[in-house]
């Protein structure tokens, strides 16, 4: 079984005193590599949400607040706390998480959600209503828009349009590679990002 997740790019904000904050897009209507989409206007959540590291529920690293959903997507503001030496491994974990963001080792986020209403399409799954429970920092962006943003940032400037088109074509090719049959996941099982349903060949 291979799970596919939908990611979004983000940018680190300037540090406000002792607070370590960053912001970005939790989800957008863009199609991910698996061909799945999430309608931002169908997303429900309850602030504040947990900020996790790689969808590890045993590794919380902070808190996050989602803004009002729009057609463009859902923006978020997240904070990783500064903790004292007396908290041992917690201090190490949050300091490591902040360092990964600050130095650009982690460039994307992914939502953890439960599907409420969805429909199958020719490309994948259209999630029309979902309930979000957490946001995670992750290392590899999978949304085409996020990939372009990351490449622009590493290149130090905007890429030529023909190069951007080639990257988008590669993303489309990856979504279309090989026959895929979908198997519905049982129950109301929690999914991470725009998770592809179980693949079988």
N, C-alpha and C. Protein backbone atom coordinates (compact mmCIF):
# COMPACT_ATOMS: atom_id res chain seq x y z
N UNK A 1 0.84 -1.19 0.00
CA UNK A 1 0.00 0.00 0.00
C UNK A 1 0.88 1.25 0.00
N UNK A 2 0.58 2.19 -0.88
CA UNK A 2 1.33 3.43 -0.94
C UNK A 2 0.36 4.59 -0.76
N UNK A 3 0.57 5.39 0.27
CA UNK A 3 -0.30 6.52 0.53
C UNK A 3 0.30 7.77 -0.08
N UNK A 4 -0.54 8.56 -0.72
CA UNK A 4 -0.13 9.82 -1.31
C UNK A 4 -0.70 10.95 -0.47
N UNK A 5 0.11 11.99 -0.22
CA UNK A 5 -0.36 13.12 0.57
C UNK A 5 -0.30 14.41 -0.23
N UNK A 6 -1.19 15.35 0.08
CA UNK A 6 -1.17 16.67 -0.56
C UNK A 6 -0.47 17.65 0.36
N UNK A 7 0.50 18.37 -0.16
CA UNK A 7 1.29 19.29 0.65
C UNK A 7 1.14 20.71 0.15
N UNK A 8 1.53 21.66 0.97
CA UNK A 8 1.53 23.07 0.58
C UNK A 8 2.84 23.72 1.01
N UNK A 9 3.29 24.69 0.22
CA UNK A 9 4.50 25.42 0.58
C UNK A 9 4.17 26.47 1.63
N UNK A 10 5.18 26.90 2.38
CA UNK A 10 4.97 27.95 3.36
C UNK A 10 6.23 28.79 3.45
N UNK A 11 6.13 29.92 4.15
CA UNK A 11 7.31 30.75 4.36
C UNK A 11 7.44 31.05 5.85
N UNK A 12 8.66 31.08 6.35
CA UNK A 12 8.90 31.36 7.76
C UNK A 12 8.79 32.86 8.00
N UNK A 13 8.03 33.24 9.01
CA UNK A 13 7.90 34.64 9.37
C UNK A 13 9.10 35.08 10.21
N UNK A 14 9.26 36.37 10.34
CA UNK A 14 10.28 36.90 11.25
C UNK A 14 9.89 36.52 12.68
N UNK A 15 10.88 36.22 13.49
CA UNK A 15 10.63 35.85 14.88
C UNK A 15 10.17 37.07 15.66
N UNK A 16 9.08 36.93 16.38
CA UNK A 16 8.51 38.01 17.17
C UNK A 16 8.90 37.80 18.63
N UNK A 17 9.99 38.44 19.06
CA UNK A 17 10.46 38.27 20.42
C UNK A 17 10.86 36.83 20.68
N UNK A 18 10.26 36.23 21.70
CA UNK A 18 10.57 34.84 22.03
C UNK A 18 9.66 33.86 21.29
N UNK A 19 8.77 34.38 20.45
CA UNK A 19 7.85 33.50 19.73
C UNK A 19 8.47 33.05 18.42
N UNK A 20 8.25 31.80 18.07
CA UNK A 20 8.75 31.25 16.80
C UNK A 20 7.53 30.91 15.96
N UNK A 21 7.26 31.74 14.97
CA UNK A 21 6.04 31.59 14.19
C UNK A 21 6.34 31.46 12.70
N UNK A 22 5.43 30.81 11.98
CA UNK A 22 5.51 30.74 10.52
C UNK A 22 4.09 30.60 9.98
N UNK A 23 3.93 30.85 8.70
CA UNK A 23 2.60 30.84 8.12
C UNK A 23 2.64 30.30 6.71
N UNK A 24 1.46 30.05 6.14
CA UNK A 24 1.39 29.54 4.78
C UNK A 24 -0.01 29.08 4.45
N UNK A 25 -0.10 28.16 3.49
CA UNK A 25 -1.38 27.60 3.06
C UNK A 25 -1.48 26.17 3.56
N UNK A 26 -2.54 25.88 4.34
CA UNK A 26 -2.75 24.52 4.83
C UNK A 26 -3.26 23.63 3.72
N UNK A 27 -4.10 24.17 2.84
CA UNK A 27 -4.61 23.41 1.70
C UNK A 27 -5.12 24.38 0.65
N UNK A 28 -5.04 23.96 -0.61
CA UNK A 28 -5.54 24.74 -1.74
C UNK A 28 -6.33 23.81 -2.65
N UNK A 29 -7.08 24.36 -3.62
CA UNK A 29 -7.85 23.50 -4.53
C UNK A 29 -6.97 22.75 -5.54
N UNK A 30 -5.67 22.99 -5.56
CA UNK A 30 -4.79 22.36 -6.55
C UNK A 30 -4.83 20.84 -6.45
N UNK A 31 -4.69 20.18 -7.60
CA UNK A 31 -4.64 18.73 -7.65
C UNK A 31 -3.27 18.24 -7.20
N UNK A 32 -3.25 17.16 -6.40
CA UNK A 32 -1.96 16.62 -5.97
C UNK A 32 -1.49 15.56 -6.96
N UNK A 33 -0.36 14.92 -6.66
CA UNK A 33 0.22 13.96 -7.59
C UNK A 33 -0.69 12.78 -7.85
N UNK A 34 -1.52 12.44 -6.86
CA UNK A 34 -2.42 11.30 -7.03
C UNK A 34 -3.69 11.67 -7.77
N UNK A 35 -3.86 12.97 -8.09
CA UNK A 35 -5.05 13.40 -8.78
C UNK A 35 -6.19 13.75 -7.86
N UNK A 36 -5.93 13.85 -6.55
CA UNK A 36 -6.96 14.15 -5.58
C UNK A 36 -7.02 15.65 -5.30
N UNK A 37 -8.21 16.13 -4.94
CA UNK A 37 -8.40 17.54 -4.61
C UNK A 37 -9.22 17.67 -3.33
N UNK A 38 -9.07 18.82 -2.66
CA UNK A 38 -9.87 19.14 -1.49
C UNK A 38 -10.52 20.50 -1.71
N UNK A 39 -11.82 20.57 -1.52
CA UNK A 39 -12.54 21.84 -1.63
C UNK A 39 -12.34 22.62 -0.34
N UNK A 40 -11.61 23.74 -0.36
CA UNK A 40 -11.36 24.50 0.87
C UNK A 40 -12.64 24.94 1.58
N UNK A 41 -13.68 25.24 0.81
CA UNK A 41 -14.93 25.71 1.41
C UNK A 41 -15.69 24.58 2.11
N UNK A 42 -15.26 23.34 1.91
CA UNK A 42 -15.89 22.20 2.58
C UNK A 42 -15.08 21.70 3.76
N UNK A 43 -14.07 22.46 4.17
CA UNK A 43 -13.20 22.05 5.28
C UNK A 43 -13.72 22.62 6.60
N UNK A 44 -13.84 21.77 7.61
CA UNK A 44 -14.19 22.22 8.95
C UNK A 44 -13.04 21.90 9.90
N UNK A 45 -12.92 22.68 10.97
CA UNK A 45 -11.83 22.50 11.93
C UNK A 45 -12.19 23.25 13.21
N UNK A 46 -11.43 22.99 14.25
CA UNK A 46 -11.63 23.68 15.52
C UNK A 46 -10.28 24.19 16.02
N UNK A 47 -10.09 25.50 15.98
CA UNK A 47 -8.84 26.10 16.45
C UNK A 47 -8.75 26.09 17.98
N UNK A 48 -7.53 26.01 18.53
CA UNK A 48 -6.26 25.75 17.83
C UNK A 48 -6.10 24.27 17.53
N UNK A 49 -5.35 23.96 16.48
CA UNK A 49 -5.06 22.59 16.10
C UNK A 49 -3.65 22.22 16.52
N UNK A 50 -3.39 20.92 16.59
CA UNK A 50 -2.05 20.44 16.92
C UNK A 50 -1.12 20.59 15.72
N UNK A 51 0.10 21.03 15.98
CA UNK A 51 1.15 21.05 14.97
C UNK A 51 2.05 19.86 15.24
N UNK A 52 2.14 18.96 14.28
CA UNK A 52 2.91 17.73 14.45
C UNK A 52 4.13 17.71 13.54
N UNK A 53 4.97 16.72 13.75
CA UNK A 53 6.16 16.53 12.90
C UNK A 53 5.95 15.24 12.12
N UNK A 54 5.75 15.36 10.80
CA UNK A 54 5.59 14.18 9.96
C UNK A 54 4.39 13.32 10.29
N UNK A 55 3.28 13.94 10.74
CA UNK A 55 2.06 13.22 11.10
C UNK A 55 2.26 12.25 12.26
N UNK A 56 3.29 12.47 13.07
CA UNK A 56 3.51 11.64 14.26
C UNK A 56 2.72 12.23 15.42
N UNK A 57 1.65 11.55 15.81
CA UNK A 57 0.81 12.07 16.88
C UNK A 57 1.52 12.05 18.23
N UNK A 58 2.60 11.29 18.33
CA UNK A 58 3.37 11.26 19.57
C UNK A 58 4.49 12.30 19.57
N UNK A 59 4.55 13.15 18.52
CA UNK A 59 5.61 14.16 18.41
C UNK A 59 5.02 15.55 18.15
N UNK A 60 4.19 16.07 19.06
CA UNK A 60 3.68 17.43 18.86
C UNK A 60 4.81 18.44 18.99
N UNK A 61 4.77 19.46 18.15
CA UNK A 61 5.84 20.47 18.19
C UNK A 61 5.30 21.88 18.36
N UNK A 62 3.97 22.05 18.38
CA UNK A 62 3.42 23.38 18.54
C UNK A 62 1.93 23.41 18.31
N UNK A 63 1.43 24.60 18.04
CA UNK A 63 0.00 24.79 17.78
C UNK A 63 -0.17 25.59 16.48
N UNK A 64 -1.36 25.48 15.90
CA UNK A 64 -1.64 26.16 14.64
C UNK A 64 -3.08 26.65 14.64
N UNK A 65 -3.30 27.80 14.03
CA UNK A 65 -4.64 28.35 13.86
C UNK A 65 -4.92 28.55 12.38
N UNK A 66 -6.05 28.02 11.92
CA UNK A 66 -6.48 28.20 10.54
C UNK A 66 -7.29 29.48 10.42
N UNK A 67 -7.13 30.17 9.29
CA UNK A 67 -7.95 31.33 9.00
C UNK A 67 -9.23 30.90 8.29
N UNK A 68 -10.11 31.83 8.03
CA UNK A 68 -11.38 31.53 7.37
C UNK A 68 -11.14 30.96 5.97
N UNK A 69 -11.73 29.81 5.65
CA UNK A 69 -11.55 29.22 4.32
C UNK A 69 -12.07 30.14 3.21
N UNK A 70 -11.35 30.17 2.09
CA UNK A 70 -11.77 30.91 0.91
C UNK A 70 -11.64 30.00 -0.30
N UNK A 71 -12.06 30.47 -1.46
CA UNK A 71 -11.93 29.68 -2.68
C UNK A 71 -10.47 29.39 -3.01
N UNK A 72 -9.57 30.27 -2.59
CA UNK A 72 -8.13 30.10 -2.87
C UNK A 72 -7.50 29.04 -1.98
N UNK A 73 -8.11 28.78 -0.82
CA UNK A 73 -7.53 27.82 0.11
C UNK A 73 -7.69 28.29 1.54
N UNK A 74 -6.89 27.69 2.43
CA UNK A 74 -6.95 28.03 3.85
C UNK A 74 -5.54 28.39 4.32
N UNK A 75 -5.39 29.62 4.79
CA UNK A 75 -4.11 30.05 5.34
C UNK A 75 -4.02 29.67 6.81
N UNK A 76 -2.79 29.59 7.31
CA UNK A 76 -2.60 29.25 8.72
C UNK A 76 -1.48 30.08 9.32
N UNK A 77 -1.52 30.20 10.65
CA UNK A 77 -0.42 30.75 11.44
C UNK A 77 -0.06 29.71 12.49
N UNK A 78 1.21 29.35 12.56
CA UNK A 78 1.65 28.31 13.49
C UNK A 78 2.74 28.85 14.41
N UNK A 79 2.83 28.26 15.58
CA UNK A 79 3.84 28.67 16.55
C UNK A 79 4.50 27.45 17.18
N UNK A 80 5.82 27.46 17.24
CA UNK A 80 6.59 26.44 17.93
C UNK A 80 7.14 27.08 19.20
N UNK A 81 6.80 26.56 20.38
CA UNK A 81 7.17 27.24 21.62
C UNK A 81 8.65 27.15 21.95
N UNK A 82 9.08 28.10 22.76
CA UNK A 82 10.42 28.06 23.35
C UNK A 82 10.26 27.46 24.73
N UNK A 83 10.96 26.35 25.02
CA UNK A 83 10.82 25.67 26.31
C UNK A 83 12.17 25.63 27.02
N UNK A 84 12.11 25.45 28.33
CA UNK A 84 13.32 25.47 29.15
C UNK A 84 14.03 24.13 29.19
N UNK A 85 15.23 24.16 29.79
CA UNK A 85 16.05 22.95 29.89
C UNK A 85 15.37 21.85 30.69
N UNK A 86 14.49 22.24 31.62
CA UNK A 86 13.86 21.25 32.49
C UNK A 86 12.93 20.31 31.74
N UNK A 87 12.61 20.63 30.48
CA UNK A 87 11.70 19.79 29.71
C UNK A 87 12.41 18.77 28.84
N UNK A 88 13.72 18.70 28.95
CA UNK A 88 14.50 17.63 28.34
C UNK A 88 14.26 17.39 26.86
N UNK A 89 13.70 16.20 26.55
CA UNK A 89 13.53 15.79 25.16
C UNK A 89 12.55 16.69 24.40
N UNK A 90 11.59 17.30 25.12
CA UNK A 90 10.65 18.21 24.48
C UNK A 90 11.40 19.42 23.93
N UNK A 91 12.33 19.95 24.72
CA UNK A 91 13.13 21.08 24.25
C UNK A 91 13.91 20.70 23.00
N UNK A 92 14.53 19.53 23.02
CA UNK A 92 15.30 19.08 21.85
C UNK A 92 14.41 18.95 20.62
N UNK A 93 13.19 18.42 20.82
CA UNK A 93 12.28 18.18 19.70
C UNK A 93 11.83 19.49 19.06
N UNK A 94 11.38 20.45 19.88
CA UNK A 94 10.88 21.70 19.31
C UNK A 94 12.02 22.54 18.73
N UNK A 95 13.20 22.47 19.34
CA UNK A 95 14.35 23.20 18.79
C UNK A 95 14.77 22.63 17.44
N UNK A 96 14.73 21.30 17.34
CA UNK A 96 15.06 20.65 16.06
C UNK A 96 14.05 21.03 14.99
N UNK A 97 12.76 21.01 15.36
CA UNK A 97 11.69 21.36 14.41
C UNK A 97 11.86 22.79 13.92
N UNK A 98 12.16 23.72 14.82
CA UNK A 98 12.34 25.11 14.41
C UNK A 98 13.58 25.27 13.55
N UNK A 99 14.65 24.57 13.89
CA UNK A 99 15.86 24.64 13.09
C UNK A 99 15.64 24.15 11.67
N UNK A 100 14.85 23.09 11.52
CA UNK A 100 14.54 22.57 10.18
C UNK A 100 13.80 23.60 9.34
N UNK A 101 12.90 24.34 9.98
CA UNK A 101 12.17 25.39 9.26
C UNK A 101 13.07 26.58 8.95
N UNK A 102 13.80 27.01 9.95
CA UNK A 102 14.63 28.21 9.82
C UNK A 102 15.68 28.08 8.73
N UNK A 103 16.27 26.87 8.60
CA UNK A 103 17.34 26.67 7.63
C UNK A 103 16.85 26.04 6.33
N UNK A 104 15.53 25.95 6.15
CA UNK A 104 14.97 25.51 4.88
C UNK A 104 15.04 24.02 4.62
N UNK A 105 15.29 23.21 5.66
CA UNK A 105 15.33 21.76 5.47
C UNK A 105 13.93 21.19 5.31
N UNK A 106 12.95 21.85 5.90
CA UNK A 106 11.54 21.47 5.78
C UNK A 106 10.83 22.63 5.11
N UNK A 107 10.13 22.35 4.00
CA UNK A 107 9.55 23.41 3.19
C UNK A 107 8.05 23.25 2.94
N UNK A 108 7.42 22.32 3.61
CA UNK A 108 6.01 22.07 3.29
C UNK A 108 5.25 21.61 4.52
N UNK A 109 3.93 21.65 4.39
CA UNK A 109 3.04 21.15 5.44
C UNK A 109 2.00 20.24 4.81
N UNK A 110 1.35 19.44 5.66
CA UNK A 110 0.33 18.50 5.20
C UNK A 110 -0.75 18.40 6.27
N UNK A 111 -2.00 18.32 5.86
CA UNK A 111 -3.09 18.23 6.83
C UNK A 111 -3.45 16.77 7.10
N UNK A 112 -3.92 16.51 8.32
CA UNK A 112 -4.48 15.21 8.68
C UNK A 112 -5.98 15.39 8.85
N UNK A 113 -6.79 14.62 8.13
CA UNK A 113 -8.23 14.86 8.13
C UNK A 113 -9.02 13.57 8.00
N UNK A 114 -10.32 13.69 8.30
CA UNK A 114 -11.27 12.60 8.06
C UNK A 114 -12.23 13.04 6.96
N UNK A 115 -12.43 12.20 5.94
CA UNK A 115 -13.36 12.56 4.86
C UNK A 115 -14.81 12.45 5.32
N UNK A 116 -15.61 13.41 4.92
CA UNK A 116 -17.04 13.40 5.23
C UNK A 116 -17.85 13.15 3.97
N UNK A 117 -17.52 13.89 2.92
CA UNK A 117 -18.22 13.74 1.64
C UNK A 117 -17.19 13.80 0.52
N UNK A 118 -17.21 12.80 -0.37
CA UNK A 118 -16.23 12.78 -1.45
C UNK A 118 -16.80 12.05 -2.65
N UNK A 119 -16.18 12.25 -3.80
CA UNK A 119 -16.62 11.61 -5.04
C UNK A 119 -15.41 11.20 -5.85
N UNK A 120 -15.54 10.09 -6.56
CA UNK A 120 -14.46 9.62 -7.42
C UNK A 120 -14.53 10.35 -8.76
N UNK A 121 -13.36 10.71 -9.28
CA UNK A 121 -13.26 11.37 -10.58
C UNK A 121 -12.35 10.54 -11.47
N UNK A 122 -12.21 10.96 -12.72
CA UNK A 122 -11.31 10.26 -13.64
C UNK A 122 -9.86 10.33 -13.16
N UNK A 123 -9.52 11.40 -12.43
CA UNK A 123 -8.14 11.59 -12.00
C UNK A 123 -7.86 11.01 -10.62
N UNK A 124 -8.86 11.00 -9.73
CA UNK A 124 -8.62 10.55 -8.36
C UNK A 124 -9.86 10.71 -7.51
N UNK A 125 -9.72 11.41 -6.39
CA UNK A 125 -10.82 11.62 -5.46
C UNK A 125 -11.02 13.11 -5.23
N UNK A 126 -12.26 13.55 -5.32
CA UNK A 126 -12.61 14.94 -5.03
C UNK A 126 -13.23 14.97 -3.63
N UNK A 127 -12.45 15.46 -2.66
CA UNK A 127 -12.93 15.57 -1.28
C UNK A 127 -13.72 16.86 -1.15
N UNK A 128 -15.05 16.73 -1.04
CA UNK A 128 -15.92 17.90 -1.00
C UNK A 128 -16.13 18.43 0.41
N UNK A 129 -16.10 17.53 1.40
CA UNK A 129 -16.21 17.94 2.81
C UNK A 129 -15.27 17.08 3.64
N UNK A 130 -14.43 17.73 4.45
CA UNK A 130 -13.51 17.01 5.33
C UNK A 130 -13.43 17.74 6.66
N UNK A 131 -13.03 17.02 7.69
CA UNK A 131 -12.78 17.62 9.00
C UNK A 131 -11.29 17.48 9.30
N UNK A 132 -10.62 18.59 9.52
CA UNK A 132 -9.17 18.60 9.74
C UNK A 132 -8.88 18.53 11.24
N UNK A 133 -7.91 17.68 11.60
CA UNK A 133 -7.54 17.49 13.00
C UNK A 133 -6.14 17.98 13.33
N UNK A 134 -5.26 18.02 12.35
CA UNK A 134 -3.88 18.44 12.63
C UNK A 134 -3.19 18.93 11.37
N UNK A 135 -2.10 19.64 11.59
CA UNK A 135 -1.22 20.09 10.52
C UNK A 135 0.18 19.59 10.86
N UNK A 136 0.89 19.06 9.86
CA UNK A 136 2.23 18.53 10.09
C UNK A 136 3.25 19.21 9.20
N UNK A 137 4.45 19.38 9.73
CA UNK A 137 5.57 19.82 8.90
C UNK A 137 6.14 18.59 8.21
N UNK A 138 6.41 18.71 6.92
CA UNK A 138 6.94 17.60 6.13
C UNK A 138 8.03 18.14 5.21
N UNK A 139 8.83 17.24 4.66
CA UNK A 139 10.01 17.67 3.93
C UNK A 139 9.83 17.81 2.43
N UNK A 140 8.88 17.06 1.83
CA UNK A 140 8.79 17.03 0.37
C UNK A 140 7.45 17.56 -0.09
N UNK A 141 7.40 18.68 -0.82
CA UNK A 141 6.13 19.17 -1.33
C UNK A 141 5.65 18.33 -2.51
N UNK A 142 4.34 18.02 -2.54
CA UNK A 142 3.80 17.19 -3.62
C UNK A 142 2.82 17.93 -4.51
N UNK A 143 2.22 19.01 -4.00
CA UNK A 143 1.35 19.80 -4.87
C UNK A 143 2.19 20.46 -5.95
N UNK A 144 1.74 20.46 -7.21
CA UNK A 144 2.50 21.12 -8.27
C UNK A 144 2.86 22.56 -7.93
N UNK A 145 1.92 23.32 -7.35
CA UNK A 145 2.20 24.71 -6.99
C UNK A 145 3.32 24.79 -5.96
N UNK A 146 3.32 23.86 -5.01
CA UNK A 146 4.34 23.87 -3.98
C UNK A 146 5.70 23.52 -4.56
N UNK A 147 5.73 22.57 -5.51
CA UNK A 147 6.99 22.20 -6.15
C UNK A 147 7.58 23.41 -6.87
N UNK A 148 6.76 24.15 -7.60
CA UNK A 148 7.24 25.33 -8.32
C UNK A 148 7.79 26.35 -7.35
N UNK A 149 7.10 26.59 -6.25
CA UNK A 149 7.56 27.56 -5.27
C UNK A 149 8.91 27.17 -4.71
N UNK A 150 9.07 25.88 -4.38
CA UNK A 150 10.33 25.43 -3.81
C UNK A 150 11.47 25.60 -4.79
N UNK A 151 11.23 25.27 -6.07
CA UNK A 151 12.27 25.40 -7.08
C UNK A 151 12.64 26.86 -7.27
N UNK A 152 11.66 27.75 -7.32
CA UNK A 152 11.94 29.18 -7.46
C UNK A 152 12.81 29.67 -6.32
N UNK A 153 12.49 29.23 -5.11
CA UNK A 153 13.24 29.68 -3.95
C UNK A 153 14.68 29.22 -4.02
N UNK A 154 14.90 27.96 -4.39
CA UNK A 154 16.26 27.42 -4.45
C UNK A 154 17.05 28.06 -5.58
N UNK A 155 16.36 28.46 -6.66
CA UNK A 155 17.05 29.05 -7.79
C UNK A 155 17.39 30.51 -7.55
N UNK A 156 16.78 31.11 -6.53
CA UNK A 156 17.06 32.50 -6.21
C UNK A 156 16.32 33.48 -7.10
N UNK A 157 15.34 33.01 -7.84
CA UNK A 157 14.56 33.89 -8.70
C UNK A 157 13.55 33.09 -9.48
N UNK A 158 12.74 33.78 -10.27
CA UNK A 158 11.69 33.11 -11.02
C UNK A 158 12.29 32.27 -12.15
N UNK A 159 11.69 31.12 -12.37
CA UNK A 159 12.12 30.26 -13.47
C UNK A 159 11.48 30.71 -14.77
N UNK A 160 12.11 30.43 -15.91
CA UNK A 160 11.47 30.72 -17.20
C UNK A 160 10.19 29.92 -17.33
N UNK A 161 9.20 30.46 -18.03
CA UNK A 161 7.90 29.83 -18.14
C UNK A 161 7.99 28.45 -18.78
N UNK A 162 8.90 28.26 -19.76
CA UNK A 162 9.00 26.95 -20.41
C UNK A 162 9.49 25.89 -19.44
N UNK A 163 10.36 26.27 -18.49
CA UNK A 163 10.84 25.32 -17.48
C UNK A 163 9.70 24.97 -16.53
N UNK A 164 8.93 25.98 -16.12
CA UNK A 164 7.78 25.73 -15.25
C UNK A 164 6.80 24.78 -15.92
N UNK A 165 6.55 24.99 -17.22
CA UNK A 165 5.63 24.12 -17.95
C UNK A 165 6.14 22.69 -18.01
N UNK A 166 7.46 22.52 -18.15
CA UNK A 166 8.04 21.18 -18.18
C UNK A 166 7.86 20.48 -16.85
N UNK A 167 8.04 21.21 -15.75
CA UNK A 167 7.86 20.62 -14.42
C UNK A 167 6.41 20.20 -14.22
N UNK A 168 5.49 21.07 -14.63
CA UNK A 168 4.07 20.73 -14.51
C UNK A 168 3.73 19.51 -15.36
N UNK A 169 4.35 19.40 -16.53
CA UNK A 169 4.11 18.25 -17.40
C UNK A 169 4.60 16.97 -16.74
N UNK A 170 5.73 17.05 -16.05
CA UNK A 170 6.25 15.89 -15.33
C UNK A 170 5.30 15.48 -14.22
N UNK A 171 4.72 16.47 -13.52
CA UNK A 171 3.76 16.17 -12.47
C UNK A 171 2.55 15.45 -13.05
N UNK A 172 2.06 15.95 -14.21
CA UNK A 172 0.90 15.34 -14.85
C UNK A 172 1.22 13.93 -15.28
N UNK A 173 2.42 13.72 -15.84
CA UNK A 173 2.83 12.39 -16.28
C UNK A 173 2.89 11.43 -15.12
N UNK A 174 3.36 11.90 -13.96
CA UNK A 174 3.45 11.04 -12.78
C UNK A 174 2.07 10.60 -12.32
N UNK A 175 1.09 11.50 -12.45
CA UNK A 175 -0.27 11.14 -12.04
C UNK A 175 -0.88 10.10 -12.96
N UNK A 176 -0.46 10.12 -14.23
CA UNK A 176 -1.07 9.24 -15.23
C UNK A 176 -0.34 7.92 -15.40
N UNK A 177 0.77 7.72 -14.71
CA UNK A 177 1.60 6.54 -14.97
C UNK A 177 0.95 5.28 -14.42
N UNK A 178 0.73 4.32 -15.30
CA UNK A 178 0.29 2.99 -14.88
C UNK A 178 -1.19 2.92 -14.55
N UNK A 179 -1.80 1.73 -14.78
CA UNK A 179 -3.20 1.54 -14.42
C UNK A 179 -3.36 1.46 -12.92
N UNK A 180 -4.39 2.12 -12.40
CA UNK A 180 -4.63 2.14 -10.96
C UNK A 180 -6.10 1.86 -10.72
N UNK A 181 -6.40 0.91 -9.84
CA UNK A 181 -7.78 0.69 -9.43
C UNK A 181 -7.90 1.13 -7.98
N UNK A 182 -9.04 1.75 -7.65
CA UNK A 182 -9.23 2.30 -6.32
C UNK A 182 -10.05 1.36 -5.46
N UNK A 183 -9.63 1.23 -4.21
CA UNK A 183 -10.36 0.43 -3.24
C UNK A 183 -10.75 1.34 -2.10
N UNK A 184 -12.02 1.43 -1.79
CA UNK A 184 -12.49 2.33 -0.75
C UNK A 184 -11.99 1.87 0.61
N UNK A 185 -11.48 2.82 1.41
CA UNK A 185 -11.01 2.49 2.75
C UNK A 185 -12.21 2.34 3.67
N UNK A 186 -12.15 1.33 4.53
CA UNK A 186 -13.28 1.03 5.40
C UNK A 186 -13.39 2.05 6.52
N UNK A 187 -14.64 2.31 6.96
CA UNK A 187 -14.87 3.15 8.12
C UNK A 187 -14.54 4.61 7.89
N UNK A 188 -14.47 5.34 8.98
CA UNK A 188 -14.18 6.77 8.92
C UNK A 188 -12.74 7.00 9.32
N UNK A 189 -11.85 6.28 8.69
CA UNK A 189 -10.44 6.27 9.05
C UNK A 189 -9.77 7.59 8.73
N UNK A 190 -8.91 8.04 9.66
CA UNK A 190 -8.24 9.32 9.46
C UNK A 190 -7.24 9.22 8.32
N UNK A 191 -7.21 10.26 7.47
CA UNK A 191 -6.31 10.32 6.34
C UNK A 191 -5.35 11.48 6.53
N UNK A 192 -4.20 11.40 5.89
CA UNK A 192 -3.22 12.47 5.94
C UNK A 192 -3.15 13.16 4.60
N UNK A 193 -3.37 14.47 4.58
CA UNK A 193 -3.36 15.22 3.34
C UNK A 193 -4.47 14.73 2.43
N UNK A 194 -4.33 14.95 1.13
CA UNK A 194 -5.28 14.40 0.17
C UNK A 194 -4.81 12.99 -0.14
N UNK A 195 -5.07 12.08 0.78
CA UNK A 195 -4.52 10.74 0.68
C UNK A 195 -5.21 9.94 -0.40
N UNK A 196 -4.42 9.33 -1.24
CA UNK A 196 -4.95 8.44 -2.27
C UNK A 196 -5.53 7.22 -1.60
N UNK A 197 -6.65 6.72 -2.08
CA UNK A 197 -7.17 5.48 -1.56
C UNK A 197 -6.23 4.35 -1.93
N UNK A 198 -6.38 3.22 -1.24
CA UNK A 198 -5.47 2.10 -1.44
C UNK A 198 -5.32 1.74 -2.91
N UNK A 199 -4.06 1.57 -3.34
CA UNK A 199 -3.80 1.20 -4.73
C UNK A 199 -3.65 -0.31 -4.85
N UNK A 200 -4.15 -0.85 -5.94
CA UNK A 200 -3.89 -2.26 -6.24
C UNK A 200 -3.65 -2.38 -7.73
N UNK A 201 -2.79 -3.31 -8.10
CA UNK A 201 -2.47 -3.49 -9.52
C UNK A 201 -2.80 -4.92 -9.92
